[in-house]
Structures are given as C-alpha cells and as structure tokens.
Amino acid sequence: MSANIANVVFIGLGNMGLPMAQNLVKAGFSVSGHDLVKASVDKLVETGGKTEADSMAAAAKADVIITMLPASKHVESLYLGDKGLLACAKPGALLIDCSTIAPEASRKVAAAAGAKGFEMLDAPVSGGTNGAAAGTLTFMVGGSKSAFDAAQPYLQKMGKAIYHAGDSGSGQTVKVCNNMLLGILMIGTSEAIRLGVANGMDPKVLSEIMSKSSGRNWTLEVYNPCPGVMDTSPASKGYAGGFGVDLMLKDLGLAVENALATGSAIPLGAAARNLYDIHSKNGSGKLDFSSIFNLLGKAQ
C-alpha cells in the first residue's frame, strides 16, 4: 500500500497527539483517531480524520498504529494482555509508541511485540505543542533499523529532526535525559529572570541580553517563563496548554528512578523533581511547566 493511503490508527489525542495526528491527515494519510476525551476525537474528525466506536477493531485493520499516552502503565495496559493491541493488531502492522515512559517499560513492550512478530519503535518527541502543531518535532527513536526506515514516511510528516538512537528503549533514554535537563534549565532561567527583575531590570531586556550571552538556552529563547516577554510562550497565555507541570514531574520522576537503577548521580535532577512536586501540590499541576516561575516568585 502506498504511503499516502496507508491506514493509520492514532491512540491518544492530547495536547501533543492531536496536532500530530492532524499533520498526518494533512499529509494525505487515512487516520482513525481515538481518545477517552470525545472533544479531542471530534477535533480530529473536523479536520479530516476519522474514528470508530471500537479502537481495537480499528487497530485490527491498521497498517500503522501510533500511540501517545501519559505513562508507562497506560502503554503496558494498552499493548499487553489478551485484549491488548498486540493481541488484535494485524500481522505486519508497524507499531510506534510516542509516549514518554520508562526505558525498561518500553523494552518490555517491545520484547512482547517482537515475540508476536511485530516491529515496534519507541519514538518520544521534543518540541512542545508549538512543534507538534508545526510538524517540527524532534523524534528520538529506539528499535531496529528496518522499523526506523519503515516509519520515515509518518515521522517526517510530524517532525523535522528524526534520530535513530539505538535499540529498543534508547529513544526513551534520550528523552529522559533531555527532559531532566529541560526541567533544570527552566528552573535556572526562572531564577535568573526573577533575580534581574528584583534588581529593577526589564525582563525583556534581560532575556534579550542573556540570549546573546553564555547563559543562552532553549527555555530563555523559545519558551520564556516570564509573562509578557514572548507572546508565543504559555507564560503570556496564563500558562495554559503546553507541557503540564504534572507531566514534567512524571518525567523527572523517571529520571530519578533510572538514576537509582543505574547508580547515577543526578543532584540537580533530583532537586528539580522536588521543586516541581511542591509546585504541583500547590495546585499548579495542570499549568504549563514554565509556571515554575510563579513558585520561585512566591519564595522571594
């Protein structure tokens, strides 16, 4: 079957999954979308996608199954078991999990898929909701080279930078490392801007100068946490949408768990996880993770 008429099932139409699925639709793929939130499914259908009442029945006919779920337990529950995706997917279907989960969970599911004759990739992403909407995501992919090659027609319509990180679980390992660094950088950037503002600086001027200096980083230049500095950042939209505090907390938790399992030292990663835990417990779990800027303000 040619790529532009391939039957794709996309399960998990959240802040990231929905625009990713919509980009596949725009590229000419036949996409059946599924999510527990009906409004998300409706949005996909409104933009040319399809859906079916039974997601497993849809998956049984699909050439490609893409999943984007919140956590390891959701991925394992969906794929494994007598009524899971591995039990109903048709032979030869390509499985691509774009969720961010523990590397060991990804390897477990991939091994079960391999035992049933399926090619499976772990393909977590970076780039936020803006990148998902623009089709400019970075994909960090773990799995066989043959599966990686087979996934190119789909990944290229959702992302701009697509990397084969290695065997199963490698994509998740890169993502855990990346998001740990992201969390640390967001806290550091927020601290620096708060300090400057406390000294009477205009945060726009401060951010501009730092973005051209040795402190430059993605959170400062692309996703500034200070309201009013950058019109396109969640900070200027009440910290709505974007990448949630609870999701960052989950990813930092994955980093801490992996560090314990591998005997690695991550003092800054652990500190970042604790700060996001406090922020979440203060009622900010659904806000964008850049809202950590508010927690640091309260500490002054």
Protein backbone atom coordinates (compact mmCIF):
# COMPACT_ATOMS: atom_id res chain seq x y z
CA MET A 1 0.00 0.00 0.00
CA SER A 2 1.40 3.40 -0.90
CA ALA A 3 2.24 5.75 1.97
CA ASN A 4 -0.35 8.39 1.13
CA ILE A 5 -3.27 5.98 1.54
CA ALA A 6 -1.94 3.96 4.46
CA ASN A 7 -4.42 3.18 7.19
CA VAL A 8 -3.15 4.76 10.41
CA VAL A 9 -4.69 4.39 13.86
CA PHE A 10 -3.63 7.07 16.33
CA ILE A 11 -4.46 6.45 20.00
CA GLY A 12 -4.01 9.34 22.43
CA LEU A 13 -5.16 12.75 21.15
CA GLY A 14 -3.95 15.02 23.92
CA ASN A 15 -2.13 18.36 23.64
CA MET A 16 0.61 16.67 21.61
CA GLY A 17 -1.16 13.73 19.99
CA LEU A 18 -3.98 15.70 18.38
CA PRO A 19 -1.81 18.08 16.30
CA MET A 20 0.49 15.18 15.40
CA ALA A 21 -2.47 13.19 14.09
CA GLN A 22 -3.78 16.26 12.28
CA ASN A 23 -0.46 16.64 10.48
CA LEU A 24 -0.75 13.06 9.24
CA VAL A 25 -4.22 13.87 7.95
CA LYS A 26 -2.88 16.98 6.18
CA ALA A 27 -0.22 14.80 4.57
CA GLY A 28 -2.92 12.64 2.98
CA PHE A 29 -2.95 9.64 5.32
CA SER A 30 -6.22 7.99 6.32
CA VAL A 31 -6.14 8.44 10.11
CA SER A 32 -8.55 6.93 12.63
CA GLY A 33 -8.15 8.78 15.95
CA HIS A 34 -9.08 7.54 19.42
CA ASP A 35 -9.07 9.11 22.86
CA LEU A 36 -11.06 8.95 26.10
CA VAL A 37 -11.91 12.64 25.62
CA LYS A 38 -14.60 12.84 22.93
CA ALA A 39 -13.90 16.51 22.22
CA SER A 40 -10.39 15.64 21.08
CA VAL A 41 -11.68 12.96 18.72
CA ASP A 42 -14.25 15.42 17.37
CA LYS A 43 -11.49 17.95 16.60
CA LEU A 44 -9.60 15.37 14.57
CA VAL A 45 -12.73 14.42 12.64
CA GLU A 46 -13.49 18.10 11.98
CA THR A 47 -10.08 18.45 10.33
CA GLY A 48 -10.44 15.42 8.07
CA GLY A 49 -9.67 12.50 10.33
CA LYS A 50 -11.88 9.53 11.12
CA THR A 51 -12.82 7.47 14.15
CA GLU A 52 -14.57 4.22 15.05
CA ALA A 53 -16.53 3.23 18.11
CA ASP A 54 -14.13 0.36 18.85
CA SER A 55 -10.47 1.36 18.85
CA MET A 56 -9.30 -2.25 18.88
CA ALA A 57 -11.43 -3.07 15.85
CA ALA A 58 -9.87 -0.10 14.08
CA ALA A 59 -6.39 -1.23 15.10
CA ALA A 60 -7.07 -4.71 13.70
CA LYS A 61 -7.27 -3.17 10.22
CA ALA A 62 -4.43 -0.68 10.51
CA ASP A 63 -1.09 -0.76 8.72
CA VAL A 64 0.42 1.59 11.29
CA ILE A 65 -0.54 2.09 14.94
CA ILE A 66 0.77 5.18 16.73
CA THR A 67 0.24 5.75 20.44
CA MET A 68 0.78 8.84 22.58
CA LEU A 69 -0.14 8.07 26.19
CA PRO A 70 0.59 9.64 29.61
CA ALA A 71 2.67 6.99 31.40
CA SER A 72 4.25 3.52 31.40
CA LYS A 73 1.22 1.88 32.99
CA HIS A 74 -1.04 3.15 30.21
CA VAL A 75 1.27 1.87 27.47
CA GLU A 76 1.61 -1.56 29.08
CA SER A 77 -2.14 -1.80 29.65
CA LEU A 78 -2.93 -0.86 26.05
CA TYR A 79 -0.43 -3.13 24.34
CA LEU A 80 -0.25 -6.18 26.60
CA GLY A 81 -2.79 -8.79 27.67
CA ASP A 82 -5.38 -10.92 25.90
CA LYS A 83 -7.32 -7.87 24.71
CA GLY A 84 -4.38 -5.55 24.08
CA LEU A 85 -3.07 -4.14 20.83
CA LEU A 86 -0.58 -6.98 20.39
CA ALA A 87 -3.44 -9.45 20.52
CA CYS A 88 -5.57 -7.71 17.91
CA ALA A 89 -3.20 -5.90 15.52
CA LYS A 90 -2.96 -7.46 12.09
CA PRO A 91 0.26 -9.24 11.07
CA GLY A 92 2.84 -6.88 9.65
CA ALA A 93 1.47 -3.76 11.32
CA LEU A 94 4.13 -1.22 12.34
CA LEU A 95 3.84 -0.09 15.98
CA ILE A 96 5.14 3.33 17.02
CA ASP A 97 4.85 4.48 20.63
CA CYS A 98 5.47 8.21 21.02
CA SER A 99 4.71 8.27 24.74
CA THR A 100 7.38 9.24 27.24
CA ILE A 101 7.77 6.27 29.56
CA ALA A 102 10.45 4.39 31.48
CA PRO A 103 13.09 2.82 29.21
CA GLU A 104 12.61 -0.55 30.91
CA ALA A 105 8.83 -0.44 30.26
CA SER A 106 9.49 0.37 26.61
CA ARG A 107 11.88 -2.57 26.30
CA LYS A 108 9.32 -4.86 27.96
CA VAL A 109 6.56 -3.95 25.50
CA ALA A 110 8.92 -4.08 22.51
CA ALA A 111 10.08 -7.56 23.53
CA ALA A 112 6.46 -8.74 23.75
CA ALA A 113 5.77 -7.21 20.33
CA GLY A 114 8.82 -8.91 18.84
CA ALA A 115 7.72 -12.26 20.25
CA LYS A 116 4.49 -11.86 18.28
CA GLY A 117 6.31 -10.88 15.09
CA PHE A 118 5.73 -7.12 15.21
CA GLU A 119 8.24 -4.36 14.54
CA MET A 120 7.94 -1.73 17.30
CA LEU A 121 9.59 1.61 17.91
CA ASP A 122 9.78 3.81 20.96
CA ALA A 123 9.70 7.31 19.48
CA PRO A 124 9.21 10.00 22.14
CA VAL A 125 9.28 13.60 20.98
CA SER A 126 10.58 17.02 21.93
CA GLY A 127 9.41 20.42 20.74
CA GLY A 128 6.26 21.14 22.72
CA THR A 129 2.78 21.86 21.45
CA ASN A 130 4.04 24.51 19.04
CA GLY A 131 6.38 21.98 17.45
CA ALA A 132 3.60 19.41 17.30
CA ALA A 133 1.31 21.86 15.51
CA ALA A 134 4.04 23.00 13.11
CA GLY A 135 5.25 19.47 12.35
CA THR A 136 8.77 20.35 13.55
CA LEU A 137 9.15 17.90 16.43
CA THR A 138 12.36 16.08 17.25
CA PHE A 139 11.90 12.31 17.35
CA MET A 140 14.24 10.17 19.46
CA VAL A 141 13.75 6.66 18.15
CA GLY A 142 14.66 3.28 19.59
CA GLY A 143 14.22 -0.01 17.74
CA SER A 144 15.51 -1.86 14.71
CA LYS A 145 16.90 -0.01 11.70
CA SER A 146 14.33 -1.71 9.46
CA ALA A 147 11.45 -0.43 11.59
CA PHE A 148 13.05 3.02 11.74
CA ASP A 149 13.24 3.10 7.94
CA ALA A 150 9.64 1.91 7.59
CA ALA A 151 8.44 4.69 9.92
CA GLN A 152 10.06 7.52 7.98
CA PRO A 153 7.01 8.44 5.83
CA TYR A 154 4.99 9.03 9.02
CA LEU A 155 7.61 10.56 11.29
CA GLN A 156 8.70 13.01 8.59
CA LYS A 157 5.17 14.47 8.44
CA MET A 158 5.15 15.08 12.20
CA GLY A 159 8.77 16.08 12.83
CA LYS A 160 11.77 17.85 11.43
CA ALA A 161 14.67 16.16 13.23
CA ILE A 162 14.42 12.36 13.38
CA TYR A 163 17.18 10.41 15.11
CA HIS A 164 17.75 6.68 15.44
CA ALA A 165 19.10 6.47 18.98
CA GLY A 166 19.72 2.71 19.04
CA ASP A 167 17.93 -0.44 20.16
CA SER A 168 14.55 -0.58 21.90
CA GLY A 169 14.40 1.76 24.89
CA SER A 170 17.12 4.06 23.53
CA GLY A 171 14.61 6.68 22.45
CA GLN A 172 13.15 6.75 25.95
CA THR A 173 16.61 7.02 27.49
CA VAL A 174 17.40 10.09 25.39
CA LYS A 175 14.01 11.61 26.25
CA VAL A 176 14.50 11.09 29.99
CA CYS A 177 17.92 12.75 29.82
CA ASN A 178 16.59 15.59 27.66
CA ASN A 179 13.60 16.36 29.87
CA MET A 180 15.65 16.24 33.03
CA LEU A 181 17.92 18.88 31.51
CA LEU A 182 14.88 20.86 30.33
CA GLY A 183 13.41 20.93 33.83
CA ILE A 184 16.72 22.09 35.30
CA LEU A 185 17.11 24.78 32.63
CA MET A 186 13.57 26.09 33.17
CA ILE A 187 14.20 26.49 36.88
CA GLY A 188 17.57 28.14 36.29
CA THR A 189 16.14 30.53 33.70
CA SER A 190 13.26 31.43 36.02
CA GLU A 191 15.68 32.09 38.89
CA ALA A 192 17.86 34.34 36.72
CA ILE A 193 14.93 36.41 35.43
CA ARG A 194 13.46 36.71 38.93
CA LEU A 195 16.80 37.94 40.24
CA GLY A 196 17.08 40.51 37.47
CA VAL A 197 13.54 41.78 38.00
CA ALA A 198 14.20 42.07 41.75
CA ASN A 199 17.01 44.45 40.81
CA GLY A 200 14.74 46.59 38.65
CA MET A 201 15.52 45.06 35.26
CA ASP A 202 13.02 44.91 32.41
CA PRO A 203 12.61 41.13 31.85
CA LYS A 204 12.53 41.62 28.06
CA VAL A 205 15.84 43.47 28.07
CA LEU A 206 17.36 40.98 30.49
CA SER A 207 16.20 38.00 28.42
CA GLU A 208 17.46 39.54 25.18
CA ILE A 209 20.93 40.16 26.60
CA MET A 210 21.20 36.72 28.21
CA SER A 211 20.00 35.06 24.99
CA LYS A 212 23.05 36.52 23.26
CA SER A 213 25.39 35.58 26.11
CA SER A 214 26.77 32.41 27.66
CA GLY A 215 23.55 31.74 29.58
CA ARG A 216 21.53 31.29 26.39
CA ASN A 217 19.28 28.21 26.27
CA TRP A 218 16.00 26.98 24.75
CA THR A 219 13.83 27.97 27.70
CA LEU A 220 15.17 31.52 27.52
CA GLU A 221 15.00 31.94 23.74
CA VAL A 222 11.95 29.91 22.70
CA TYR A 223 9.80 29.26 25.78
CA ASN A 224 10.44 32.18 28.11
CA PRO A 225 8.77 31.64 31.51
CA CYS A 226 8.15 35.34 32.29
CA PRO A 227 4.74 36.69 31.24
CA GLY A 228 4.90 39.37 28.57
CA VAL A 229 8.41 38.63 27.36
CA MET A 230 7.38 36.36 24.50
CA ASP A 231 3.88 36.48 23.01
CA THR A 232 4.02 32.87 21.78
CA SER A 233 5.03 31.28 25.09
CA PRO A 234 2.47 29.77 27.51
CA ALA A 235 3.65 32.30 30.12
CA SER A 236 1.93 35.05 28.12
CA LYS A 237 -1.27 32.98 27.90
CA GLY A 238 -1.83 32.34 31.60
CA TYR A 239 0.40 29.24 31.42
CA ALA A 240 -2.43 27.43 29.64
CA GLY A 241 -1.81 24.42 27.40
CA GLY A 242 1.76 23.47 26.62
CA PHE A 243 3.59 20.84 28.64
CA GLY A 244 1.99 20.39 32.03
CA VAL A 245 3.68 20.59 35.43
CA ASP A 246 2.46 17.08 36.26
CA LEU A 247 3.96 15.73 33.02
CA MET A 248 7.31 17.34 33.81
CA LEU A 249 7.08 15.92 37.32
CA LYS A 250 6.45 12.48 35.83
CA ASP A 251 9.47 12.77 33.53
CA LEU A 252 11.75 13.97 36.34
CA GLY A 253 10.49 11.03 38.37
CA LEU A 254 11.52 8.71 35.53
CA ALA A 255 14.98 10.28 35.62
CA VAL A 256 15.28 9.75 39.38
CA GLU A 257 14.09 6.13 39.07
CA ASN A 258 16.55 5.44 36.26
CA ALA A 259 19.38 7.09 38.18
CA LEU A 260 18.70 4.82 41.15
CA ALA A 261 18.59 1.76 38.88
CA THR A 262 21.88 2.65 37.17
CA GLY A 263 23.71 4.12 40.16
CA SER A 264 23.95 7.54 38.51
CA ALA A 265 24.29 10.82 40.38
CA ILE A 266 21.71 13.47 39.42
CA PRO A 267 21.65 16.02 42.28
CA LEU A 268 20.21 18.81 40.11
CA GLY A 269 17.68 16.48 38.52
CA ALA A 270 16.52 15.33 41.95
CA ALA A 271 16.27 18.94 43.17
CA ALA A 272 14.25 19.88 40.08
CA ARG A 273 11.90 16.96 40.70
CA ASN A 274 11.34 18.11 44.29
CA LEU A 275 10.56 21.69 43.23
CA TYR A 276 8.07 20.53 40.62
CA ASP A 277 6.50 18.24 43.21
CA ILE A 278 5.96 21.22 45.52
CA HIS A 279 4.59 23.28 42.62
CA SER A 280 2.15 20.52 41.69
CA LYS A 281 0.96 20.06 45.27
CA ASN A 282 0.32 23.81 45.45
CA GLY A 283 -2.36 23.31 42.80
CA SER A 284 -0.44 24.08 39.61
CA GLY A 285 -0.28 20.58 38.16
CA LYS A 286 -2.33 21.40 35.06
CA LEU A 287 -0.45 24.61 34.21
CA ASP A 288 2.45 24.66 31.77
CA PHE A 289 5.74 23.66 33.36
CA SER A 290 7.17 27.15 32.81
CA SER A 291 4.82 28.28 35.59
CA ILE A 292 7.58 27.20 37.99
CA PHE A 293 8.42 30.90 37.54
CA ASN A 294 5.47 31.61 39.87
CA LEU A 295 6.71 29.28 42.59
CA LEU A 296 10.08 31.00 42.63
CA GLY A 297 8.34 34.36 42.87
CA LYS A 298 6.47 33.26 45.97
CA ALA A 299 9.77 32.29 47.56
CA GLN A 300 11.07 35.87 47.49
